[in-house]
Amino acid sequence: GGLVQPGGSLRLSCAASGSIFSIYDMGWYR
């Protein structure tokens, strides 16, 4: 995250612990 002007872009990342990540449904919320 960060500060960006209208019309700009950001790329968010979410790193998860655990060994079965591939079976999870993942979501973003705000």
Full PDB file with SEQRES, HELIX, SHEET, SSBOND, CRYST1, ORIGX, SCALE, CONECT and MASTER records, all heavy atoms in Angstrom:
SEQRES   1 A   30  GLY GLY LEU VAL GLN PRO GLY GLY SER LEU ARG LEU SER          
SEQRES   2 A   30  CYS ALA ALA SER GLY SER ILE PHE SER ILE TYR ASP MET          
SEQRES   3 A   30  GLY TRP TYR ARG                                              
HELIX    1 AA1 PHE A   21  ILE A   23  5                                   3    
CRYST1    1.000    1.000    1.000  90.00  90.00  90.00 P 1           1          
ORIGX1      1.000000  0.000000  0.000000        0.00000                         
ORIGX2      0.000000  1.000000  0.000000        0.00000                         
ORIGX3      0.000000  0.000000  1.000000        0.00000                         
SCALE1      1.000000  0.000000  0.000000        0.00000                         
SCALE2      0.000000  1.000000  0.000000        0.00000                         
SCALE3      0.000000  0.000000  1.000000        0.00000                         
ATOM      1  N   GLY A   1       0.812  -1.202   0.000  1.00  0.00           N  
ATOM      2  CA  GLY A   1       0.000   0.000   0.000  1.00  0.00           C  
ATOM      3  C   GLY A   1       0.849   1.257   0.000  1.00  0.00           C  
ATOM      4  O   GLY A   1       2.068   1.225   0.127  1.00  0.00           O  
ATOM      5  N   GLY A   2       0.181   2.393  -0.154  1.00  0.00           N  
ATOM      6  CA  GLY A   2       0.865   3.663  -0.164  1.00  0.00           C  
ATOM      7  C   GLY A   2      -0.039   4.776  -0.632  1.00  0.00           C  
ATOM      8  O   GLY A   2      -1.248   4.601  -0.766  1.00  0.00           O  
ATOM      9  N   LEU A   3       0.569   5.917  -0.890  1.00  0.00           N  
ATOM     10  CA  LEU A   3      -0.131   7.098  -1.382  1.00  0.00           C  
ATOM     11  C   LEU A   3       0.047   7.187  -2.886  1.00  0.00           C  
ATOM     12  O   LEU A   3       1.172   7.116  -3.394  1.00  0.00           O  
ATOM     13  CB  LEU A   3       0.418   8.351  -0.703  1.00  0.00           C  
ATOM     14  CG  LEU A   3      -0.116   9.694  -1.185  1.00  0.00           C  
ATOM     15  CD1 LEU A   3      -1.607   9.816  -0.904  1.00  0.00           C  
ATOM     16  CD2 LEU A   3       0.652  10.822  -0.519  1.00  0.00           C  
ATOM     17  N   VAL A   4      -1.051   7.354  -3.605  1.00  0.00           N  
ATOM     18  CA  VAL A   4      -1.012   7.421  -5.055  1.00  0.00           C  
ATOM     19  C   VAL A   4      -2.027   8.444  -5.533  1.00  0.00           C  
ATOM     20  O   VAL A   4      -3.055   8.663  -4.892  1.00  0.00           O  
ATOM     21  CB  VAL A   4      -1.279   6.033  -5.677  1.00  0.00           C  
ATOM     22  CG1 VAL A   4      -2.691   5.559  -5.364  1.00  0.00           C  
ATOM     23  CG2 VAL A   4      -1.019   6.027  -7.168  1.00  0.00           C  
ATOM     24  N   GLN A   5      -1.734   9.082  -6.656  1.00  0.00           N  
ATOM     25  CA  GLN A   5      -2.656  10.047  -7.243  1.00  0.00           C  
ATOM     26  C   GLN A   5      -3.808   9.349  -7.948  1.00  0.00           C  
ATOM     27  O   GLN A   5      -3.667   8.205  -8.398  1.00  0.00           O  
ATOM     28  CB  GLN A   5      -1.920  10.941  -8.239  1.00  0.00           C  
ATOM     29  CG  GLN A   5      -0.886  11.849  -7.612  1.00  0.00           C  
ATOM     30  CD  GLN A   5      -0.199  12.735  -8.625  1.00  0.00           C  
ATOM     31  OE1 GLN A   5      -0.208  12.452  -9.822  1.00  0.00           O  
ATOM     32  NE2 GLN A   5       0.398  13.813  -8.153  1.00  0.00           N  
ATOM     33  N   PRO A   6      -4.957  10.010  -8.063  1.00  0.00           N  
ATOM     34  CA  PRO A   6      -6.040   9.438  -8.863  1.00  0.00           C  
ATOM     35  C   PRO A   6      -5.557   9.082 -10.263  1.00  0.00           C  
ATOM     36  O   PRO A   6      -4.812   9.835 -10.891  1.00  0.00           O  
ATOM     37  CB  PRO A   6      -7.085  10.554  -8.897  1.00  0.00           C  
ATOM     38  CG  PRO A   6      -6.843  11.319  -7.639  1.00  0.00           C  
ATOM     39  CD  PRO A   6      -5.347  11.292  -7.435  1.00  0.00           C  
ATOM     40  N   GLY A   7      -5.989   7.918 -10.734  1.00  0.00           N  
ATOM     41  CA  GLY A   7      -5.545   7.415 -12.016  1.00  0.00           C  
ATOM     42  C   GLY A   7      -4.296   6.568 -11.954  1.00  0.00           C  
ATOM     43  O   GLY A   7      -3.942   5.926 -12.952  1.00  0.00           O  
ATOM     44  N   GLY A   8      -3.640   6.546 -10.809  1.00  0.00           N  
ATOM     45  CA  GLY A   8      -2.427   5.779 -10.639  1.00  0.00           C  
ATOM     46  C   GLY A   8      -2.693   4.321 -10.341  1.00  0.00           C  
ATOM     47  O   GLY A   8      -3.839   3.856 -10.323  1.00  0.00           O  
ATOM     48  N   SER A   9      -1.610   3.583 -10.080  1.00  0.00           N  
ATOM     49  CA  SER A   9      -1.681   2.145  -9.861  1.00  0.00           C  
ATOM     50  C   SER A   9      -0.888   1.732  -8.638  1.00  0.00           C  
ATOM     51  O   SER A   9       0.096   2.372  -8.268  1.00  0.00           O  
ATOM     52  CB  SER A   9      -1.132   1.386 -11.071  1.00  0.00           C  
ATOM     53  OG  SER A   9      -1.896   1.627 -12.237  1.00  0.00           O  
ATOM     54  N   LEU A  10      -1.326   0.655  -8.008  1.00  0.00           N  
ATOM     55  CA  LEU A  10      -0.604  -0.005  -6.930  1.00  0.00           C  
ATOM     56  C   LEU A  10      -0.790  -1.504  -7.078  1.00  0.00           C  
ATOM     57  O   LEU A  10      -1.805  -1.957  -7.599  1.00  0.00           O  
ATOM     58  CB  LEU A  10      -1.121   0.419  -5.551  1.00  0.00           C  
ATOM     59  CG  LEU A  10      -0.749   1.794  -5.016  1.00  0.00           C  
ATOM     60  CD1 LEU A  10      -1.524   2.067  -3.725  1.00  0.00           C  
ATOM     61  CD2 LEU A  10       0.747   1.897  -4.754  1.00  0.00           C  
ATOM     62  N   ARG A  11       0.189  -2.248  -6.584  1.00  0.00           N  
ATOM     63  CA  ARG A  11       0.101  -3.700  -6.549  1.00  0.00           C  
ATOM     64  C   ARG A  11       0.271  -4.164  -5.110  1.00  0.00           C  
ATOM     65  O   ARG A  11       1.335  -3.996  -4.516  1.00  0.00           O  
ATOM     66  CB  ARG A  11       1.166  -4.344  -7.427  1.00  0.00           C  
ATOM     67  CG  ARG A  11       1.062  -5.875  -7.522  1.00  0.00           C  
ATOM     68  CD  ARG A  11       2.088  -6.403  -8.523  1.00  0.00           C  
ATOM     69  NE  ARG A  11       2.120  -7.854  -8.625  1.00  0.00           N  
ATOM     70  CZ  ARG A  11       1.320  -8.577  -9.403  1.00  0.00           C  
ATOM     71  NH1 ARG A  11       0.403  -7.980 -10.152  1.00  0.00           N  
ATOM     72  NH2 ARG A  11       1.450  -9.894  -9.442  1.00  0.00           N  
ATOM     73  N   LEU A  12      -0.780  -4.738  -4.541  1.00  0.00           N  
ATOM     74  CA  LEU A  12      -0.752  -5.247  -3.182  1.00  0.00           C  
ATOM     75  C   LEU A  12      -0.376  -6.722  -3.173  1.00  0.00           C  
ATOM     76  O   LEU A  12      -0.701  -7.461  -4.105  1.00  0.00           O  
ATOM     77  CB  LEU A  12      -2.114  -5.081  -2.507  1.00  0.00           C  
ATOM     78  CG  LEU A  12      -2.732  -3.686  -2.522  1.00  0.00           C  
ATOM     79  CD1 LEU A  12      -4.038  -3.697  -1.734  1.00  0.00           C  
ATOM     80  CD2 LEU A  12      -1.770  -2.649  -1.977  1.00  0.00           C  
ATOM     81  N   SER A  13       0.295  -7.136  -2.108  1.00  0.00           N  
ATOM     82  CA  SER A  13       0.663  -8.523  -1.926  1.00  0.00           C  
ATOM     83  C   SER A  13       0.164  -9.017  -0.583  1.00  0.00           C  
ATOM     84  O   SER A  13       0.097  -8.261   0.385  1.00  0.00           O  
ATOM     85  CB  SER A  13       2.185  -8.703  -1.977  1.00  0.00           C  
ATOM     86  OG  SER A  13       2.707  -8.316  -3.227  1.00  0.00           O  
ATOM     87  N   CYS A  14      -0.174 -10.281  -0.522  1.00  0.00           N  
ATOM     88  CA  CYS A  14      -0.568 -10.933   0.714  1.00  0.00           C  
ATOM     89  C   CYS A  14       0.157 -12.262   0.787  1.00  0.00           C  
ATOM     90  O   CYS A  14      -0.100 -13.156  -0.030  1.00  0.00           O  
ATOM     91  CB  CYS A  14      -2.080 -11.136   0.764  1.00  0.00           C  
ATOM     92  SG  CYS A  14      -2.657 -12.178   2.125  1.00  0.00           S  
ATOM     93  N   ALA A  15       1.059 -12.385   1.751  1.00  0.00           N  
ATOM     94  CA  ALA A  15       1.813 -13.609   1.955  1.00  0.00           C  
ATOM     95  C   ALA A  15       1.176 -14.419   3.071  1.00  0.00           C  
ATOM     96  O   ALA A  15       0.895 -13.890   4.144  1.00  0.00           O  
ATOM     97  CB  ALA A  15       3.263 -13.288   2.295  1.00  0.00           C  
ATOM     98  N   ALA A  16       0.960 -15.694   2.820  1.00  0.00           N  
ATOM     99  CA  ALA A  16       0.304 -16.580   3.771  1.00  0.00           C  
ATOM    100  C   ALA A  16       1.248 -17.666   4.232  1.00  0.00           C  
ATOM    101  O   ALA A  16       2.020 -18.213   3.440  1.00  0.00           O  
ATOM    102  CB  ALA A  16      -0.940 -17.213   3.150  1.00  0.00           C  
ATOM    103  N   SER A  17       1.165 -17.988   5.514  1.00  0.00           N  
ATOM    104  CA  SER A  17       1.894 -19.132   6.034  1.00  0.00           C  
ATOM    105  C   SER A  17       1.110 -20.401   5.742  1.00  0.00           C  
ATOM    106  O   SER A  17      -0.055 -20.360   5.330  1.00  0.00           O  
ATOM    107  CB  SER A  17       2.120 -18.978   7.532  1.00  0.00           C  
ATOM    108  OG  SER A  17       0.888 -19.010   8.235  1.00  0.00           O  
ATOM    109  N   GLY A  18       1.749 -21.553   5.959  1.00  0.00           N  
ATOM    110  CA  GLY A  18       1.068 -22.820   5.785  1.00  0.00           C  
ATOM    111  C   GLY A  18       1.498 -23.564   4.543  1.00  0.00           C  
ATOM    112  O   GLY A  18       2.073 -22.980   3.614  1.00  0.00           O  
ATOM    113  N   SER A  19       1.182 -24.839   4.508  1.00  0.00           N  
ATOM    114  CA  SER A  19       1.618 -25.723   3.438  1.00  0.00           C  
ATOM    115  C   SER A  19       0.517 -26.109   2.467  1.00  0.00           C  
ATOM    116  O   SER A  19       0.779 -26.841   1.513  1.00  0.00           O  
ATOM    117  CB  SER A  19       2.230 -26.992   4.035  1.00  0.00           C  
ATOM    118  OG  SER A  19       1.281 -27.702   4.809  1.00  0.00           O  
ATOM    119  N   ILE A  20      -0.710 -25.635   2.681  1.00  0.00           N  
ATOM    120  CA  ILE A  20      -1.828 -26.006   1.818  1.00  0.00           C  
ATOM    121  C   ILE A  20      -2.456 -24.779   1.169  1.00  0.00           C  
ATOM    122  O   ILE A  20      -3.656 -24.750   0.897  1.00  0.00           O  
ATOM    123  CB  ILE A  20      -2.889 -26.819   2.580  1.00  0.00           C  
ATOM    124  CG1 ILE A  20      -3.403 -26.063   3.813  1.00  0.00           C  
ATOM    125  CG2 ILE A  20      -2.336 -28.173   2.983  1.00  0.00           C  
ATOM    126  CD1 ILE A  20      -4.597 -26.730   4.474  1.00  0.00           C  
ATOM    127  N   PHE A  21      -1.634 -23.780   0.879  1.00  0.00           N  
ATOM    128  CA  PHE A  21      -2.121 -22.539   0.294  1.00  0.00           C  
ATOM    129  C   PHE A  21      -2.909 -22.784  -0.987  1.00  0.00           C  
ATOM    130  O   PHE A  21      -3.897 -22.101  -1.261  1.00  0.00           O  
ATOM    131  CB  PHE A  21      -0.942 -21.607   0.022  1.00  0.00           C  
ATOM    132  CG  PHE A  21      -1.325 -20.320  -0.643  1.00  0.00           C  
ATOM    133  CD1 PHE A  21      -1.820 -19.259   0.089  1.00  0.00           C  
ATOM    134  CD2 PHE A  21      -1.181 -20.174  -2.019  1.00  0.00           C  
ATOM    135  CE1 PHE A  21      -2.168 -18.068  -0.525  1.00  0.00           C  
ATOM    136  CE2 PHE A  21      -1.526 -18.985  -2.646  1.00  0.00           C  
ATOM    137  CZ  PHE A  21      -2.022 -17.932  -1.889  1.00  0.00           C  
ATOM    138  N   SER A  22      -2.490 -23.746  -1.781  1.00  0.00           N  
ATOM    139  CA  SER A  22      -3.093 -23.953  -3.089  1.00  0.00           C  
ATOM    140  C   SER A  22      -4.559 -24.352  -3.034  1.00  0.00           C  
ATOM    141  O   SER A  22      -5.269 -24.202  -4.029  1.00  0.00           O  
ATOM    142  CB  SER A  22      -2.306 -24.997  -3.882  1.00  0.00           C  
ATOM    143  OG  SER A  22      -2.355 -26.260  -3.242  1.00  0.00           O  
ATOM    144  N   ILE A  23      -5.038 -24.848  -1.908  1.00  0.00           N  
ATOM    145  CA  ILE A  23      -6.434 -25.259  -1.811  1.00  0.00           C  
ATOM    146  C   ILE A  23      -7.337 -24.146  -1.280  1.00  0.00           C  
ATOM    147  O   ILE A  23      -8.564 -24.300  -1.278  1.00  0.00           O  
ATOM    148  CB  ILE A  23      -6.620 -26.513  -0.938  1.00  0.00           C  
ATOM    149  CG1 ILE A  23      -6.510 -26.193   0.552  1.00  0.00           C  
ATOM    150  CG2 ILE A  23      -5.628 -27.593  -1.335  1.00  0.00           C  
ATOM    151  CD1 ILE A  23      -6.945 -27.332   1.450  1.00  0.00           C  
ATOM    152  N   TYR A  24      -6.759 -23.039  -0.842  1.00  0.00           N  
ATOM    153  CA  TYR A  24      -7.554 -21.952  -0.278  1.00  0.00           C  
ATOM    154  C   TYR A  24      -8.217 -21.120  -1.365  1.00  0.00           C  
ATOM    155  O   TYR A  24      -7.640 -20.871  -2.421  1.00  0.00           O  
ATOM    156  CB  TYR A  24      -6.684 -20.997   0.543  1.00  0.00           C  
ATOM    157  CG  TYR A  24      -5.995 -21.577   1.749  1.00  0.00           C  
ATOM    158  CD1 TYR A  24      -4.786 -21.032   2.175  1.00  0.00           C  
ATOM    159  CD2 TYR A  24      -6.526 -22.629   2.465  1.00  0.00           C  
ATOM    160  CE1 TYR A  24      -4.139 -21.527   3.283  1.00  0.00           C  
ATOM    161  CE2 TYR A  24      -5.874 -23.140   3.571  1.00  0.00           C  
ATOM    162  CZ  TYR A  24      -4.682 -22.579   3.983  1.00  0.00           C  
ATOM    163  OH  TYR A  24      -4.035 -23.079   5.089  1.00  0.00           O  
ATOM    164  N   ASP A  25      -9.429 -20.681  -1.080  1.00  0.00           N  
ATOM    165  CA  ASP A  25      -9.968 -19.520  -1.765  1.00  0.00           C  
ATOM    166  C   ASP A  25      -9.384 -18.288  -1.084  1.00  0.00           C  
ATOM    167  O   ASP A  25      -9.320 -18.224   0.145  1.00  0.00           O  
ATOM    168  CB  ASP A  25     -11.488 -19.468  -1.672  1.00  0.00           C  
ATOM    169  CG  ASP A  25     -12.174 -20.509  -2.527  1.00  0.00           C  
ATOM    170  OD1 ASP A  25     -11.527 -21.116  -3.401  1.00  0.00           O  
ATOM    171  OD2 ASP A  25     -13.393 -20.708  -2.324  1.00  0.00           O  
ATOM    172  N   MET A  26      -8.958 -17.302  -1.869  1.00  0.00           N  
ATOM    173  CA  MET A  26      -8.343 -16.101  -1.338  1.00  0.00           C  
ATOM    174  C   MET A  26      -9.155 -14.875  -1.739  1.00  0.00           C  
ATOM    175  O   MET A  26      -9.728 -14.823  -2.827  1.00  0.00           O  
ATOM    176  CB  MET A  26      -6.912 -15.942  -1.850  1.00  0.00           C  
ATOM    177  CG  MET A  26      -5.981 -17.091  -1.483  1.00  0.00           C  
ATOM    178  SD  MET A  26      -5.729 -17.250   0.314  1.00  0.00           S  
ATOM    179  CE  MET A  26      -5.010 -15.649   0.708  1.00  0.00           C  
ATOM    180  N   GLY A  27      -9.179 -13.894  -0.855  1.00  0.00           N  
ATOM    181  CA  GLY A  27      -9.927 -12.685  -1.145  1.00  0.00           C  
ATOM    182  C   GLY A  27      -9.262 -11.438  -0.606  1.00  0.00           C  
ATOM    183  O   GLY A  27      -8.469 -11.499   0.337  1.00  0.00           O  
ATOM    184  N   TRP A  28      -9.594 -10.316  -1.228  1.00  0.00           N  
ATOM    185  CA  TRP A  28      -9.189  -8.997  -0.765  1.00  0.00           C  
ATOM    186  C   TRP A  28     -10.407  -8.228  -0.288  1.00  0.00           C  
ATOM    187  O   TRP A  28     -11.474  -8.293  -0.923  1.00  0.00           O  
ATOM    188  CB  TRP A  28      -8.482  -8.205  -1.862  1.00  0.00           C  
ATOM    189  CG  TRP A  28      -7.076  -8.631  -2.116  1.00  0.00           C  
ATOM    190  CD1 TRP A  28      -6.629  -9.470  -3.085  1.00  0.00           C  
ATOM    191  CD2 TRP A  28      -5.925  -8.210  -1.375  1.00  0.00           C  
ATOM    192  NE1 TRP A  28      -5.271  -9.605  -3.007  1.00  0.00           N  
ATOM    193  CE2 TRP A  28      -4.805  -8.843  -1.960  1.00  0.00           C  
ATOM    194  CE3 TRP A  28      -5.716  -7.366  -0.293  1.00  0.00           C  
ATOM    195  CZ2 TRP A  28      -3.512  -8.658  -1.484  1.00  0.00           C  
ATOM    196  CZ3 TRP A  28      -4.429  -7.186   0.178  1.00  0.00           C  
ATOM    197  CH2 TRP A  28      -3.348  -7.824  -0.414  1.00  0.00           C  
ATOM    198  N   TYR A  29     -10.230  -7.481   0.803  1.00  0.00           N  
ATOM    199  CA  TYR A  29     -11.269  -6.677   1.419  1.00  0.00           C  
ATOM    200  C   TYR A  29     -10.695  -5.308   1.737  1.00  0.00           C  
ATOM    201  O   TYR A  29      -9.485  -5.141   1.818  1.00  0.00           O  
ATOM    202  CB  TYR A  29     -11.773  -7.342   2.710  1.00  0.00           C  
ATOM    203  CG  TYR A  29     -12.243  -8.761   2.512  1.00  0.00           C  
ATOM    204  CD1 TYR A  29     -11.329  -9.806   2.394  1.00  0.00           C  
ATOM    205  CD2 TYR A  29     -13.596  -9.064   2.437  1.00  0.00           C  
ATOM    206  CE1 TYR A  29     -11.748 -11.104   2.206  1.00  0.00           C  
ATOM    207  CE2 TYR A  29     -14.028 -10.368   2.251  1.00  0.00           C  
ATOM    208  CZ  TYR A  29     -13.102 -11.379   2.136  1.00  0.00           C  
ATOM    209  OH  TYR A  29     -13.529 -12.670   1.944  1.00  0.00           O  
ATOM    210  N   ARG A  30     -11.556  -4.331   1.909  1.00  0.00           N  
ATOM    211  CA  ARG A  30     -11.078  -3.015   2.305  1.00  0.00           C  
ATOM    212  C   ARG A  30     -12.047  -2.378   3.292  1.00  0.00           C  
ATOM    213  O   ARG A  30     -13.229  -2.700   3.327  1.00  0.00           O  
ATOM    214  CB  ARG A  30     -10.877  -2.100   1.094  1.00  0.00           C  
ATOM    215  CG  ARG A  30     -12.154  -1.701   0.378  1.00  0.00           C  
ATOM    216  CD  ARG A  30     -11.820  -0.958  -0.911  1.00  0.00           C  
ATOM    217  NE  ARG A  30     -13.023  -0.566  -1.632  1.00  0.00           N  
ATOM    218  CZ  ARG A  30     -13.036  -0.113  -2.869  1.00  0.00           C  
ATOM    219  NH1 ARG A  30     -11.885   0.015  -3.538  1.00  0.00           N  
ATOM    220  NH2 ARG A  30     -14.178   0.228  -3.454  1.00  0.00           N  
TER     221      ARG A  30                                                      
MASTER        0    0    0    1    0    0    0    6  220    1    0    3          
END                                                                             
